[in-house]
């Protein structure tokens, strides 16, 4: 008998279990997870603080709170902070 993958029902029930765990998890709540199951931490752990926060706020915009605009403004604030940091690093490197 050829190999058969797990039934769709099994996958669906695992997805539901994962959703329930994420919904009740205060550290990694569901608004930090993409529909395909990827988590924001899977991306942000490889970025510095400012860039990680940009990704975090953009990805959860409109999902955590009703204020999508507020989340996007926070993302923009962190992006501006990162640009300022890079400009300062560039200025220090230019005079060396």
PDB file of N, CA and C in Angstrom:
ATOM      1  N   UNK A   1       0.848  -1.191   0.000  1.00  0.00           N
ATOM      2  CA  UNK A   1       0.000   0.000   0.000  1.00  0.00           C
ATOM      3  C   UNK A   1       0.886   1.244   0.000  1.00  0.00           C
ATOM      4  N   UNK A   2       0.650   2.189  -0.909  1.00  0.00           N
ATOM      5  CA  UNK A   2       1.483   3.403  -0.957  1.00  0.00           C
ATOM      6  C   UNK A   2       1.267   4.273   0.287  1.00  0.00           C
ATOM      7  N   UNK A   3       2.294   5.072   0.552  1.00  0.00           N
ATOM      8  CA  UNK A   3       2.228   5.986   1.696  1.00  0.00           C
ATOM      9  C   UNK A   3       1.081   6.978   1.516  1.00  0.00           C
ATOM     10  N   UNK A   4       0.344   7.196   2.588  1.00  0.00           N
ATOM     11  CA  UNK A   4      -0.733   8.191   2.569  1.00  0.00           C
ATOM     12  C   UNK A   4      -0.459   9.219   3.651  1.00  0.00           C
ATOM     13  N   UNK A   5      -0.638  10.457   3.307  1.00  0.00           N
ATOM     14  CA  UNK A   5      -0.425  11.514   4.289  1.00  0.00           C
ATOM     15  C   UNK A   5      -1.531  11.487   5.328  1.00  0.00           C
ATOM     16  N   UNK A   6      -1.302  12.216   6.399  1.00  0.00           N
ATOM     17  CA  UNK A   6      -2.304  12.298   7.464  1.00  0.00           C
ATOM     18  C   UNK A   6      -3.602  12.860   6.913  1.00  0.00           C
ATOM     19  N   UNK A   7      -4.728  12.368   7.384  1.00  0.00           N
ATOM     20  CA  UNK A   7      -6.009  12.897   6.906  1.00  0.00           C
ATOM     21  C   UNK A   7      -6.147  14.384   7.205  1.00  0.00           C
ATOM     22  N   UNK A   8      -6.900  15.046   6.371  1.00  0.00           N
ATOM     23  CA  UNK A   8      -7.135  16.477   6.538  1.00  0.00           C
ATOM     24  C   UNK A   8      -7.729  16.782   7.909  1.00  0.00           C
ATOM     25  N   UNK A   9      -8.568  15.901   8.408  1.00  0.00           N
ATOM     26  CA  UNK A   9      -9.194  16.127   9.723  1.00  0.00           C
ATOM     27  C   UNK A   9      -8.130  16.232  10.801  1.00  0.00           C
ATOM     28  N   UNK A  10      -7.092  15.377  10.735  1.00  0.00           N
ATOM     29  CA  UNK A  10      -6.030  15.439  11.732  1.00  0.00           C
ATOM     30  C   UNK A  10      -5.334  16.789  11.678  1.00  0.00           C
ATOM     31  N   UNK A  11      -5.005  17.257  10.473  1.00  0.00           N
ATOM     32  CA  UNK A  11      -4.355  18.553  10.308  1.00  0.00           C
ATOM     33  C   UNK A  11      -5.236  19.660  10.839  1.00  0.00           C
ATOM     34  N   UNK A  12      -6.524  19.602  10.518  1.00  0.00           N
ATOM     35  CA  UNK A  12      -7.452  20.623  10.985  1.00  0.00           C
ATOM     36  C   UNK A  12      -7.518  20.652  12.502  1.00  0.00           C
ATOM     37  N   UNK A  13      -7.563  19.478  13.136  1.00  0.00           N
ATOM     38  CA  UNK A  13      -7.656  19.449  14.594  1.00  0.00           C
ATOM     39  C   UNK A  13      -6.367  19.969  15.230  1.00  0.00           C
ATOM     40  N   UNK A  14      -5.186  19.676  14.626  1.00  0.00           N
ATOM     41  CA  UNK A  14      -3.922  20.210  15.154  1.00  0.00           C
ATOM     42  C   UNK A  14      -3.893  21.726  15.001  1.00  0.00           C
ATOM     43  N   UNK A  15      -4.378  22.233  13.861  1.00  0.00           N
ATOM     44  CA  UNK A  15      -4.427  23.679  13.662  1.00  0.00           C
ATOM     45  C   UNK A  15      -5.316  24.321  14.711  1.00  0.00           C
ATOM     46  N   UNK A  16      -6.451  23.701  15.006  1.00  0.00           N
ATOM     47  CA  UNK A  16      -7.370  24.232  16.016  1.00  0.00           C
ATOM     48  C   UNK A  16      -6.718  24.218  17.394  1.00  0.00           C
ATOM     49  N   UNK A  17      -6.002  23.133  17.717  1.00  0.00           N
ATOM     50  CA  UNK A  17      -5.309  23.061  19.003  1.00  0.00           C
ATOM     51  C   UNK A  17      -4.270  24.175  19.110  1.00  0.00           C
ATOM     52  N   UNK A  18      -3.531  24.385  18.045  1.00  0.00           N
ATOM     53  CA  UNK A  18      -2.499  25.424  18.044  1.00  0.00           C
ATOM     54  C   UNK A  18      -3.129  26.809  18.193  1.00  0.00           C
ATOM     55  N   UNK A  19      -4.249  27.042  17.523  1.00  0.00           N
ATOM     56  CA  UNK A  19      -4.971  28.314  17.662  1.00  0.00           C
ATOM     57  C   UNK A  19      -5.411  28.536  19.094  1.00  0.00           C
ATOM     58  N   UNK A  20      -5.950  27.493  19.732  1.00  0.00           N
ATOM     59  CA  UNK A  20      -6.421  27.619  21.109  1.00  0.00           C
ATOM     60  C   UNK A  20      -5.254  27.893  22.049  1.00  0.00           C
ATOM     61  N   UNK A  21      -4.120  27.204  21.833  1.00  0.00           N
ATOM     62  CA  UNK A  21      -2.942  27.452  22.649  1.00  0.00           C
ATOM     63  C   UNK A  21      -2.466  28.891  22.480  1.00  0.00           C
ATOM     64  N   UNK A  22      -2.413  29.362  21.247  1.00  0.00           N
ATOM     65  CA  UNK A  22      -1.947  30.724  20.968  1.00  0.00           C
ATOM     66  C   UNK A  22      -2.905  31.756  21.545  1.00  0.00           C
ATOM     67  N   UNK A  23      -4.189  31.487  21.498  1.00  0.00           N
ATOM     68  CA  UNK A  23      -5.176  32.439  22.003  1.00  0.00           C
ATOM     69  C   UNK A  23      -5.052  32.611  23.510  1.00  0.00           C
ATOM     70  N   UNK A  24      -4.640  31.547  24.212  1.00  0.00           N
ATOM     71  CA  UNK A  24      -4.546  31.632  25.668  1.00  0.00           C
ATOM     72  C   UNK A  24      -3.121  31.869  26.144  1.00  0.00           C
ATOM     73  N   UNK A  25      -2.175  31.981  25.243  1.00  0.00           N
ATOM     74  CA  UNK A  25      -0.770  32.161  25.597  1.00  0.00           C
ATOM     75  C   UNK A  25      -0.449  33.647  25.698  1.00  0.00           C
ATOM     76  N   UNK A  26      -0.165  34.142  26.915  1.00  0.00           N
ATOM     77  CA  UNK A  26       0.123  35.573  27.055  1.00  0.00           C
ATOM     78  C   UNK A  26       1.461  35.983  26.456  1.00  0.00           C
ATOM     79  N   UNK A  27       2.366  35.043  26.237  1.00  0.00           N
ATOM     80  CA  UNK A  27       3.681  35.357  25.681  1.00  0.00           C
ATOM     81  C   UNK A  27       3.650  35.372  24.155  1.00  0.00           C
ATOM     82  N   UNK A  28       2.941  34.432  23.554  1.00  0.00           N
ATOM     83  CA  UNK A  28       2.861  34.346  22.097  1.00  0.00           C
ATOM     84  C   UNK A  28       1.394  34.254  21.670  1.00  0.00           C
ATOM     85  N   UNK A  29       0.642  35.335  21.850  1.00  0.00           N
ATOM     86  CA  UNK A  29      -0.790  35.304  21.529  1.00  0.00           C
ATOM     87  C   UNK A  29      -1.043  35.204  20.025  1.00  0.00           C
ATOM     88  N   UNK A  30      -2.272  34.914  19.674  1.00  0.00           N
ATOM     89  CA  UNK A  30      -2.626  34.651  18.278  1.00  0.00           C
ATOM     90  C   UNK A  30      -2.388  35.835  17.345  1.00  0.00           C
ATOM     91  N   UNK A  31      -2.402  37.068  17.865  1.00  0.00           N
ATOM     92  CA  UNK A  31      -2.167  38.195  16.966  1.00  0.00           C
ATOM     93  C   UNK A  31      -0.703  38.296  16.544  1.00  0.00           C
ATOM     94  N   UNK A  32       0.157  37.419  17.060  1.00  0.00           N
ATOM     95  CA  UNK A  32       1.546  37.346  16.622  1.00  0.00           C
ATOM     96  C   UNK A  32       1.787  36.160  15.693  1.00  0.00           C
ATOM     97  N   UNK A  33       0.726  35.561  15.191  1.00  0.00           N
ATOM     98  CA  UNK A  33       0.872  34.413  14.301  1.00  0.00           C
ATOM     99  C   UNK A  33       0.178  34.696  12.971  1.00  0.00           C
ATOM    100  N   UNK A  34       0.862  34.366  11.878  1.00  0.00           N
ATOM    101  CA  UNK A  34       0.299  34.544  10.544  1.00  0.00           C
ATOM    102  C   UNK A  34      -0.647  33.384  10.230  1.00  0.00           C
ATOM    103  N   UNK A  35      -1.541  33.564   9.263  1.00  0.00           N
ATOM    104  CA  UNK A  35      -2.473  32.489   8.905  1.00  0.00           C
ATOM    105  C   UNK A  35      -1.793  31.178   8.508  1.00  0.00           C
ATOM    106  N   UNK A  36      -0.572  31.228   7.983  1.00  0.00           N
ATOM    107  CA  UNK A  36       0.127  30.003   7.580  1.00  0.00           C
ATOM    108  C   UNK A  36       0.834  29.323   8.749  1.00  0.00           C
ATOM    109  N   UNK A  37       0.703  29.889   9.966  1.00  0.00           N
ATOM    110  CA  UNK A  37       1.301  29.283  11.152  1.00  0.00           C
ATOM    111  C   UNK A  37       2.638  29.876  11.547  1.00  0.00           C
ATOM    112  N   UNK A  38       3.254  30.672  10.683  1.00  0.00           N
ATOM    113  CA  UNK A  38       4.518  31.320  11.033  1.00  0.00           C
ATOM    114  C   UNK A  38       4.264  32.321  12.158  1.00  0.00           C
ATOM    115  N   UNK A  39       5.228  32.420  13.043  1.00  0.00           N
ATOM    116  CA  UNK A  39       5.091  33.356  14.152  1.00  0.00           C
ATOM    117  C   UNK A  39       5.997  34.566  13.921  1.00  0.00           C
ATOM    118  N   UNK A  40       5.602  35.687  14.459  1.00  0.00           N
ATOM    119  CA  UNK A  40       6.396  36.910  14.323  1.00  0.00           C
ATOM    120  C   UNK A  40       7.803  36.690  14.872  1.00  0.00           C
ATOM    121  N   UNK A  41       7.920  35.958  15.964  1.00  0.00           N
ATOM    122  CA  UNK A  41       9.239  35.715  16.554  1.00  0.00           C
ATOM    123  C   UNK A  41      10.155  34.973  15.594  1.00  0.00           C
ATOM    124  N   UNK A  42       9.579  34.168  14.681  1.00  0.00           N
ATOM    125  CA  UNK A  42      10.391  33.451  13.696  1.00  0.00           C
ATOM    126  C   UNK A  42      11.142  34.419  12.784  1.00  0.00           C
ATOM    127  N   UNK A  43      10.614  35.597  12.613  1.00  0.00           N
ATOM    128  CA  UNK A  43      11.232  36.622  11.774  1.00  0.00           C
ATOM    129  C   UNK A  43      12.054  37.588  12.626  1.00  0.00           C
ATOM    130  N   UNK A  44      11.453  38.101  13.692  1.00  0.00           N
ATOM    131  CA  UNK A  44      12.085  39.179  14.459  1.00  0.00           C
ATOM    132  C   UNK A  44      13.313  38.746  15.240  1.00  0.00           C
ATOM    133  N   UNK A  45      13.453  37.466  15.542  1.00  0.00           N
ATOM    134  CA  UNK A  45      14.630  37.037  16.316  1.00  0.00           C
ATOM    135  C   UNK A  45      15.932  37.281  15.573  1.00  0.00           C
ATOM    136  N   UNK A  46      15.854  37.475  14.259  1.00  0.00           N
ATOM    137  CA  UNK A  46      17.044  37.696  13.453  1.00  0.00           C
ATOM    138  C   UNK A  46      17.307  39.181  13.188  1.00  0.00           C
ATOM    139  N   UNK A  47      16.472  40.049  13.737  1.00  0.00           N
ATOM    140  CA  UNK A  47      16.581  41.489  13.498  1.00  0.00           C
ATOM    141  C   UNK A  47      16.999  42.211  14.771  1.00  0.00           C
ATOM    142  N   UNK A  48      17.467  43.448  14.621  1.00  0.00           N
ATOM    143  CA  UNK A  48      17.747  44.218  15.816  1.00  0.00           C
ATOM    144  C   UNK A  48      16.417  44.710  16.419  1.00  0.00           C
ATOM    145  N   UNK A  49      16.492  45.381  17.551  1.00  0.00           N
ATOM    146  CA  UNK A  49      15.302  45.768  18.293  1.00  0.00           C
ATOM    147  C   UNK A  49      14.349  46.634  17.475  1.00  0.00           C
ATOM    148  N   UNK A  50      14.873  47.690  16.872  1.00  0.00           N
ATOM    149  CA  UNK A  50      14.008  48.598  16.106  1.00  0.00           C
ATOM    150  C   UNK A  50      13.348  47.890  14.929  1.00  0.00           C
ATOM    151  N   UNK A  51      14.124  47.163  14.150  1.00  0.00           N
ATOM    152  CA  UNK A  51      13.576  46.472  12.981  1.00  0.00           C
ATOM    153  C   UNK A  51      12.585  45.382  13.392  1.00  0.00           C
ATOM    154  N   UNK A  52      12.873  44.694  14.469  1.00  0.00           N
ATOM    155  CA  UNK A  52      11.951  43.682  14.972  1.00  0.00           C
ATOM    156  C   UNK A  52      10.612  44.280  15.366  1.00  0.00           C
ATOM    157  N   UNK A  53      10.661  45.446  16.000  1.00  0.00           N
ATOM    158  CA  UNK A  53       9.408  46.109  16.386  1.00  0.00           C
ATOM    159  C   UNK A  53       8.632  46.600  15.172  1.00  0.00           C
ATOM    160  N   UNK A  54       9.326  47.018  14.125  1.00  0.00           N
ATOM    161  CA  UNK A  54       8.632  47.406  12.895  1.00  0.00           C
ATOM    162  C   UNK A  54       7.830  46.214  12.375  1.00  0.00           C
ATOM    163  N   UNK A  55       8.477  45.056  12.286  1.00  0.00           N
ATOM    164  CA  UNK A  55       7.797  43.854  11.794  1.00  0.00           C
ATOM    165  C   UNK A  55       6.643  43.483  12.718  1.00  0.00           C
ATOM    166  N   UNK A  56       6.883  43.555  14.025  1.00  0.00           N
ATOM    167  CA  UNK A  56       5.850  43.188  15.001  1.00  0.00           C
ATOM    168  C   UNK A  56       4.611  44.060  14.844  1.00  0.00           C
ATOM    169  N   UNK A  57       4.795  45.367  14.810  1.00  0.00           N
ATOM    170  CA  UNK A  57       3.637  46.263  14.734  1.00  0.00           C
ATOM    171  C   UNK A  57       2.926  46.200  13.380  1.00  0.00           C
ATOM    172  N   UNK A  58       3.673  46.040  12.302  1.00  0.00           N
ATOM    173  CA  UNK A  58       3.033  45.932  10.988  1.00  0.00           C
ATOM    174  C   UNK A  58       2.241  44.629  10.903  1.00  0.00           C
ATOM    175  N   UNK A  59       2.809  43.543  11.390  1.00  0.00           N
ATOM    176  CA  UNK A  59       2.142  42.246  11.259  1.00  0.00           C
ATOM    177  C   UNK A  59       0.890  42.127  12.111  1.00  0.00           C
ATOM    178  N   UNK A  60       0.839  42.832  13.233  1.00  0.00           N
ATOM    179  CA  UNK A  60      -0.348  42.716  14.086  1.00  0.00           C
ATOM    180  C   UNK A  60      -1.319  43.878  13.913  1.00  0.00           C
ATOM    181  N   UNK A  61      -1.005  44.808  13.025  1.00  0.00           N
ATOM    182  CA  UNK A  61      -1.846  45.995  12.830  1.00  0.00           C
ATOM    183  C   UNK A  61      -3.299  45.600  12.578  1.00  0.00           C
ATOM    184  N   UNK A  62      -4.172  46.093  13.426  1.00  0.00           N
ATOM    185  CA  UNK A  62      -5.596  45.810  13.300  1.00  0.00           C
ATOM    186  C   UNK A  62      -6.020  44.474  13.869  1.00  0.00           C
ATOM    187  N   UNK A  63      -5.082  43.674  14.372  1.00  0.00           N
ATOM    188  CA  UNK A  63      -5.426  42.355  14.902  1.00  0.00           C
ATOM    189  C   UNK A  63      -5.466  42.340  16.421  1.00  0.00           C
ATOM    190  N   UNK A  64      -4.592  43.110  17.069  1.00  0.00           N
ATOM    191  CA  UNK A  64      -4.553  43.111  18.529  1.00  0.00           C
ATOM    192  C   UNK A  64      -5.592  44.074  19.082  1.00  0.00           C
ATOM    193  N   UNK A  65      -5.620  45.244  18.524  1.00  0.00           N
ATOM    194  CA  UNK A  65      -6.554  46.259  18.999  1.00  0.00           C
ATOM    195  C   UNK A  65      -7.336  46.782  17.802  1.00  0.00           C
ATOM    196  N   UNK A  66      -8.290  47.602  18.079  1.00  0.00           N
ATOM    197  CA  UNK A  66      -9.111  48.164  17.000  1.00  0.00           C
ATOM    198  C   UNK A  66      -8.362  49.251  16.234  1.00  0.00           C
ATOM    199  N   UNK A  67      -7.238  49.713  16.786  1.00  0.00           N
ATOM    200  CA  UNK A  67      -6.535  50.832  16.181  1.00  0.00           C
ATOM    201  C   UNK A  67      -5.407  50.379  15.257  1.00  0.00           C
ATOM    202  N   UNK A  68      -5.759  50.055  14.038  1.00  0.00           N
ATOM    203  CA  UNK A  68      -4.765  49.676  13.037  1.00  0.00           C
ATOM    204  C   UNK A  68      -3.809  50.835  12.780  1.00  0.00           C
ATOM    205  N   UNK A  69      -4.345  52.045  12.755  1.00  0.00           N
ATOM    206  CA  UNK A  69      -3.525  53.236  12.503  1.00  0.00           C
ATOM    207  C   UNK A  69      -2.492  53.421  13.615  1.00  0.00           C
ATOM    208  N   UNK A  70      -2.887  53.190  14.859  1.00  0.00           N
ATOM    209  CA  UNK A  70      -1.948  53.333  15.974  1.00  0.00           C
ATOM    210  C   UNK A  70      -0.791  52.339  15.843  1.00  0.00           C
ATOM    211  N   UNK A  71      -1.089  51.093  15.493  1.00  0.00           N
ATOM    212  CA  UNK A  71      -0.024  50.105  15.314  1.00  0.00           C
ATOM    213  C   UNK A  71       0.911  50.508  14.184  1.00  0.00           C
ATOM    214  N   UNK A  72       0.381  51.020  13.098  1.00  0.00           N
ATOM    215  CA  UNK A  72       1.222  51.445  11.977  1.00  0.00           C
ATOM    216  C   UNK A  72       2.045  52.678  12.335  1.00  0.00           C
ATOM    217  N   UNK A  73       1.505  53.560  13.150  1.00  0.00           N
ATOM    218  CA  UNK A  73       2.292  54.720  13.622  1.00  0.00           C
ATOM    219  C   UNK A  73       3.446  54.264  14.507  1.00  0.00           C
ATOM    220  N   UNK A  74       3.194  53.264  15.349  1.00  0.00           N
ATOM    221  CA  UNK A  74       4.271  52.718  16.186  1.00  0.00           C
ATOM    222  C   UNK A  74       5.357  52.109  15.311  1.00  0.00           C
ATOM    223  N   UNK A  75       4.953  51.375  14.279  1.00  0.00           N
ATOM    224  CA  UNK A  75       5.926  50.787  13.354  1.00  0.00           C
ATOM    225  C   UNK A  75       6.762  51.880  12.693  1.00  0.00           C
ATOM    226  N   UNK A  76       6.110  52.953  12.291  1.00  0.00           N
ATOM    227  CA  UNK A  76       6.809  54.061  11.649  1.00  0.00           C
ATOM    228  C   UNK A  76       7.791  54.720  12.635  1.00  0.00           C
ATOM    229  N   UNK A  77       7.393  54.836  13.901  1.00  0.00           N
ATOM    230  CA  UNK A  77       8.266  55.427  14.920  1.00  0.00           C
ATOM    231  C   UNK A  77       9.553  54.608  15.048  1.00  0.00           C
ATOM    232  N   UNK A  78       9.407  53.276  15.131  1.00  0.00           N
ATOM    233  CA  UNK A  78      10.586  52.422  15.244  1.00  0.00           C
ATOM    234  C   UNK A  78      11.434  52.456  13.973  1.00  0.00           C
ATOM    235  N   UNK A  79      10.803  52.573  12.821  1.00  0.00           N
ATOM    236  CA  UNK A  79      11.548  52.690  11.572  1.00  0.00           C
ATOM    237  C   UNK A  79      12.351  53.997  11.541  1.00  0.00           C
ATOM    238  N   UNK A  80      11.736  55.069  11.995  1.00  0.00           N
ATOM    239  CA  UNK A  80      12.450  56.355  12.063  1.00  0.00           C
ATOM    240  C   UNK A  80      13.622  56.276  13.042  1.00  0.00           C
ATOM    241  N   UNK A  81      13.427  55.577  14.162  1.00  0.00           N
ATOM    242  CA  UNK A  81      14.520  55.407  15.128  1.00  0.00           C
ATOM    243  C   UNK A  81      15.675  54.625  14.490  1.00  0.00           C
ATOM    244  N   UNK A  82      15.362  53.612  13.723  1.00  0.00           N
ATOM    245  CA  UNK A  82      16.397  52.821  13.061  1.00  0.00           C
ATOM    246  C   UNK A  82      17.126  53.649  12.008  1.00  0.00           C
ATOM    247  N   UNK A  83      16.405  54.466  11.271  1.00  0.00           N
ATOM    248  CA  UNK A  83      17.044  55.338  10.280  1.00  0.00           C
ATOM    249  C   UNK A  83      17.985  56.330  10.963  1.00  0.00           C
ATOM    250  N   UNK A  84      17.544  56.903  12.077  1.00  0.00           N
ATOM    251  CA  UNK A  84      18.414  57.832  12.825  1.00  0.00           C
ATOM    252  C   UNK A  84      19.670  57.119  13.317  1.00  0.00           C
ATOM    253  N   UNK A  85      19.496  55.905  13.819  1.00  0.00           N
ATOM    254  CA  UNK A  85      20.637  55.134  14.306  1.00  0.00           C
ATOM    255  C   UNK A  85      21.640  54.893  13.178  1.00  0.00           C
ATOM    256  N   UNK A  86      21.128  54.495  12.022  1.00  0.00           N
ATOM    257  CA  UNK A  86      22.012  54.233  10.887  1.00  0.00           C
ATOM    258  C   UNK A  86      22.696  55.499  10.395  1.00  0.00           C
ATOM    259  N   UNK A  87      21.982  56.608  10.427  1.00  0.00           N
ATOM    260  CA  UNK A  87      22.587  57.881  10.023  1.00  0.00           C
ATOM    261  C   UNK A  87      23.711  58.254  10.978  1.00  0.00           C
ATOM    262  N   UNK A  88      23.535  58.018  12.268  1.00  0.00           N
ATOM    263  CA  UNK A  88      24.586  58.313  13.250  1.00  0.00           C
ATOM    264  C   UNK A  88      25.785  57.396  13.056  1.00  0.00           C
ATOM    265  N   UNK A  89      25.537  56.133  12.804  1.00  0.00           N
ATOM    266  CA  UNK A  89      26.631  55.186  12.557  1.00  0.00           C
ATOM    267  C   UNK A  89      27.382  55.596  11.308  1.00  0.00           C
ATOM    268  N   UNK A  90      26.663  56.002  10.273  1.00  0.00           N
ATOM    269  CA  UNK A  90      27.289  56.436   9.030  1.00  0.00           C
ATOM    270  C   UNK A  90      28.128  57.682   9.224  1.00  0.00           C
ATOM    271  N   UNK A  91      27.651  58.598  10.059  1.00  0.00           N
ATOM    272  CA  UNK A  91      28.402  59.835  10.318  1.00  0.00           C
ATOM    273  C   UNK A  91      29.680  59.525  11.070  1.00  0.00           C
ATOM    274  N   UNK A  92      29.628  58.592  12.011  1.00  0.00           N
ATOM    275  CA  UNK A  92      30.844  58.228  12.767  1.00  0.00           C
ATOM    276  C   UNK A  92      31.852  57.557  11.851  1.00  0.00           C
ATOM    277  N   UNK A  93      31.350  56.701  10.943  1.00  0.00           N
ATOM    278  CA  UNK A  93      32.248  55.991  10.029  1.00  0.00           C
ATOM    279  C   UNK A  93      32.859  56.889   8.969  1.00  0.00           C
ATOM    280  N   UNK A  94      32.182  57.993   8.630  1.00  0.00           N
ATOM    281  CA  UNK A  94      32.660  58.878   7.553  1.00  0.00           C
ATOM    282  C   UNK A  94      33.915  59.641   7.968  1.00  0.00           C
ATOM    283  N   UNK A  95      34.058  59.953   9.250  1.00  0.00           N
ATOM    284  CA  UNK A  95      35.200  60.748   9.704  1.00  0.00           C
ATOM    285  C   UNK A  95      36.403  59.935  10.107  1.00  0.00           C
ATOM    286  N   UNK A  96      36.287  58.622  10.109  1.00  0.00           N
ATOM    287  CA  UNK A  96      37.398  57.775  10.550  1.00  0.00           C
ATOM    288  C   UNK A  96      38.466  57.628   9.515  1.00  0.00           C
TER     289      UNK A  96
END
